[in-house]
Amino acid sequence: MLEYHRFKAVSDLYRQGKDEEARLELAELQRRYVSLCDENTTLRMQAQEYEDILYLARNLVFDGEFYWLTTGGIRQGPFCPNCYNRDGLLMRLFGEAGKRCCGVCHESYPGLSRREEMAARGFDESQFAHAFDREPRRAKVIPFGR
């Protein structure tokens, strides 16, 4: 804890003409201040890490096959169960519905059909029936001009 009465002592030392003693005392106060600032920053970072852990504990769900993260009412994922169980990493699986793969551990998962995946994410099938009747759209690649 910073001892505020020592600032008055520094001021008194300057008024008494004891400049060198005042500078030494002030340097010590500065050192302690910087130390307290560093400790404060460390404690804030630890508190943020604990908040992140609590958020994951509340919002990460395992459905028996994959991990899903619910944020803002939207279910995100799926995430690799192997990476999460082994290393605590949330690695999103990639690939088409029906065949998923992890880019880190290279584990393959059979996955869900598009219809099952949309239902798992909470979409109402009646509202999005058209999404099940056609192939997924691909992004158009536009090359850079020369």
Protein backbone atom coordinates (compact mmCIF):
# COMPACT_ATOMS: atom_id res chain seq x y z
CA MET A 1 0.00 0.00 0.00
CA LEU A 2 1.23 3.45 -0.86
CA GLU A 3 1.87 5.56 2.25
CA TYR A 4 0.55 9.02 1.39
CA HIS A 5 2.08 10.70 4.47
CA ARG A 6 5.51 10.11 2.90
CA PHE A 7 4.67 12.63 0.15
CA LYS A 8 4.34 15.32 2.82
CA ALA A 9 7.67 14.20 4.25
CA VAL A 10 9.28 14.66 0.80
CA SER A 11 7.77 18.15 0.54
CA ASP A 12 9.05 19.00 4.02
CA LEU A 13 12.54 17.77 3.14
CA TYR A 14 12.61 20.03 0.05
CA ARG A 15 11.48 23.02 2.14
CA GLN A 16 14.26 22.31 4.64
CA GLY A 17 16.83 22.32 1.84
CA LYS A 18 17.57 18.60 2.09
CA ASP A 19 17.25 18.03 -1.63
CA GLU A 20 19.26 14.79 -1.83
CA GLU A 21 17.26 13.12 0.97
CA ALA A 22 14.04 14.30 -0.66
CA ARG A 23 15.09 12.87 -4.05
CA LEU A 24 15.96 9.50 -2.47
CA GLU A 25 12.61 9.37 -0.66
CA LEU A 26 10.77 10.37 -3.83
CA ALA A 27 12.61 7.68 -5.84
CA GLU A 28 11.53 5.09 -3.27
CA LEU A 29 7.92 6.28 -3.52
CA GLN A 30 8.08 6.04 -7.31
CA ARG A 31 9.49 2.50 -7.13
CA ARG A 32 6.68 1.43 -4.80
CA TYR A 33 4.08 3.12 -7.01
CA VAL A 34 5.30 1.27 -10.11
CA SER A 35 5.33 -1.99 -8.18
CA LEU A 36 1.72 -1.44 -7.08
CA CYS A 37 0.67 -0.59 -10.64
CA ASP A 38 2.26 -3.83 -11.90
CA GLU A 39 0.51 -5.83 -9.18
CA ASN A 40 -2.81 -4.15 -10.03
CA THR A 41 -2.41 -5.02 -13.73
CA THR A 42 -1.60 -8.65 -12.89
CA LEU A 43 -4.62 -8.94 -10.62
CA ARG A 44 -6.92 -7.44 -13.28
CA MET A 45 -5.63 -9.95 -15.83
CA GLN A 46 -6.22 -12.82 -13.40
CA ALA A 47 -9.75 -11.59 -12.70
CA GLN A 48 -10.45 -11.46 -16.47
CA GLU A 49 -9.14 -15.01 -16.89
CA TYR A 50 -11.48 -16.22 -14.11
CA GLU A 51 -14.41 -14.42 -15.75
CA ASP A 52 -13.58 -16.12 -19.06
CA ILE A 53 -13.45 -19.52 -17.35
CA LEU A 54 -16.82 -18.90 -15.70
CA TYR A 55 -18.29 -17.79 -19.04
CA LEU A 56 -17.14 -21.01 -20.69
CA ALA A 57 -18.44 -23.10 -17.79
CA ARG A 58 -21.88 -21.53 -18.21
CA ASN A 59 -22.06 -21.48 -22.01
CA LEU A 60 -20.09 -24.48 -23.30
CA VAL A 61 -22.28 -27.52 -23.92
CA PHE A 62 -21.32 -31.06 -24.89
CA ASP A 63 -24.11 -32.79 -26.80
CA GLY A 64 -22.54 -36.25 -26.60
CA GLU A 65 -20.57 -35.77 -29.82
CA PHE A 66 -19.35 -32.16 -30.12
CA TYR A 67 -18.85 -29.08 -27.96
CA TRP A 68 -21.02 -26.03 -28.73
CA LEU A 69 -20.65 -22.49 -27.39
CA THR A 70 -23.77 -20.39 -26.90
CA THR A 71 -23.15 -16.65 -27.27
CA GLY A 72 -25.91 -14.10 -27.62
CA GLY A 73 -28.50 -16.84 -28.04
CA ILE A 74 -26.61 -18.30 -31.03
CA ARG A 75 -25.09 -21.76 -30.84
CA GLN A 76 -21.57 -21.69 -32.30
CA GLY A 77 -19.47 -24.67 -33.24
CA PRO A 78 -19.07 -27.53 -33.41
CA PHE A 79 -15.74 -27.66 -31.61
CA CYS A 80 -13.34 -30.61 -31.47
CA PRO A 81 -13.97 -32.75 -28.39
CA ASN A 82 -10.50 -34.30 -28.62
CA CYS A 83 -8.67 -30.93 -28.47
CA TYR A 84 -10.90 -29.59 -25.71
CA ASN A 85 -10.63 -32.70 -23.52
CA ARG A 86 -6.88 -33.05 -24.03
CA ASP A 87 -5.66 -29.41 -24.07
CA GLY A 88 -8.67 -27.22 -23.20
CA LEU A 89 -8.62 -25.71 -26.73
CA LEU A 90 -11.80 -24.72 -28.54
CA MET A 91 -10.94 -25.66 -32.12
CA ARG A 92 -13.78 -25.27 -34.60
CA LEU A 93 -14.26 -28.30 -36.83
CA PHE A 94 -14.24 -27.66 -40.56
CA GLY A 95 -15.62 -29.48 -43.54
CA GLU A 96 -19.02 -30.20 -44.98
CA ALA A 97 -21.97 -31.28 -42.86
CA GLY A 98 -21.72 -35.06 -42.70
CA LYS A 99 -17.90 -35.06 -42.43
CA ARG A 100 -15.98 -32.82 -40.05
CA CYS A 101 -12.25 -32.59 -39.36
CA CYS A 102 -10.09 -30.80 -36.81
CA GLY A 103 -7.25 -28.70 -38.20
CA VAL A 104 -5.09 -29.24 -35.09
CA CYS A 105 -5.35 -32.92 -34.14
CA HIS A 106 -6.63 -34.02 -37.60
CA GLU A 107 -9.34 -36.17 -36.02
CA SER A 108 -12.27 -36.89 -38.37
CA TYR A 109 -15.89 -36.97 -37.22
CA PRO A 110 -18.88 -38.22 -39.16
CA GLY A 111 -20.85 -35.09 -38.33
CA LEU A 112 -24.51 -34.29 -38.88
CA SER A 113 -26.56 -33.85 -41.99
CA ARG A 114 -27.36 -30.22 -42.89
CA ARG A 115 -30.91 -30.68 -41.60
CA GLU A 116 -29.72 -32.10 -38.26
CA GLU A 117 -27.08 -29.40 -37.89
CA MET A 118 -29.57 -26.57 -38.51
CA ALA A 119 -31.94 -28.13 -35.97
CA ALA A 120 -29.06 -28.50 -33.46
CA ARG A 121 -28.32 -24.79 -33.84
CA GLY A 122 -31.91 -23.98 -32.95
CA PHE A 123 -33.22 -23.00 -36.39
CA ASP A 124 -36.87 -23.74 -37.07
CA GLU A 125 -37.00 -26.06 -40.08
CA SER A 126 -40.21 -24.52 -41.41
CA GLN A 127 -38.56 -21.10 -41.70
CA PHE A 128 -35.48 -22.44 -43.43
CA ALA A 129 -36.86 -25.33 -45.51
CA HIS A 130 -35.30 -23.85 -48.64
CA ALA A 131 -31.84 -24.24 -47.08
CA PHE A 132 -32.24 -28.01 -47.05
CA ASP A 133 -33.41 -28.35 -50.65
CA ARG A 134 -30.30 -27.07 -52.40
CA GLU A 135 -26.57 -27.44 -52.26
CA PRO A 136 -24.66 -24.93 -50.15
CA ARG A 137 -23.59 -21.81 -52.01
CA ARG A 138 -19.91 -21.33 -52.63
CA ALA A 139 -18.16 -18.02 -52.39
CA LYS A 140 -17.12 -16.52 -55.70
CA VAL A 141 -13.36 -16.06 -55.93
CA ILE A 142 -12.37 -12.73 -57.46
CA PRO A 143 -8.69 -12.62 -58.46
CA PHE A 144 -6.64 -9.51 -57.81
CA GLY A 145 -5.95 -7.33 -60.86
CA ARG A 146 -2.45 -7.06 -62.19
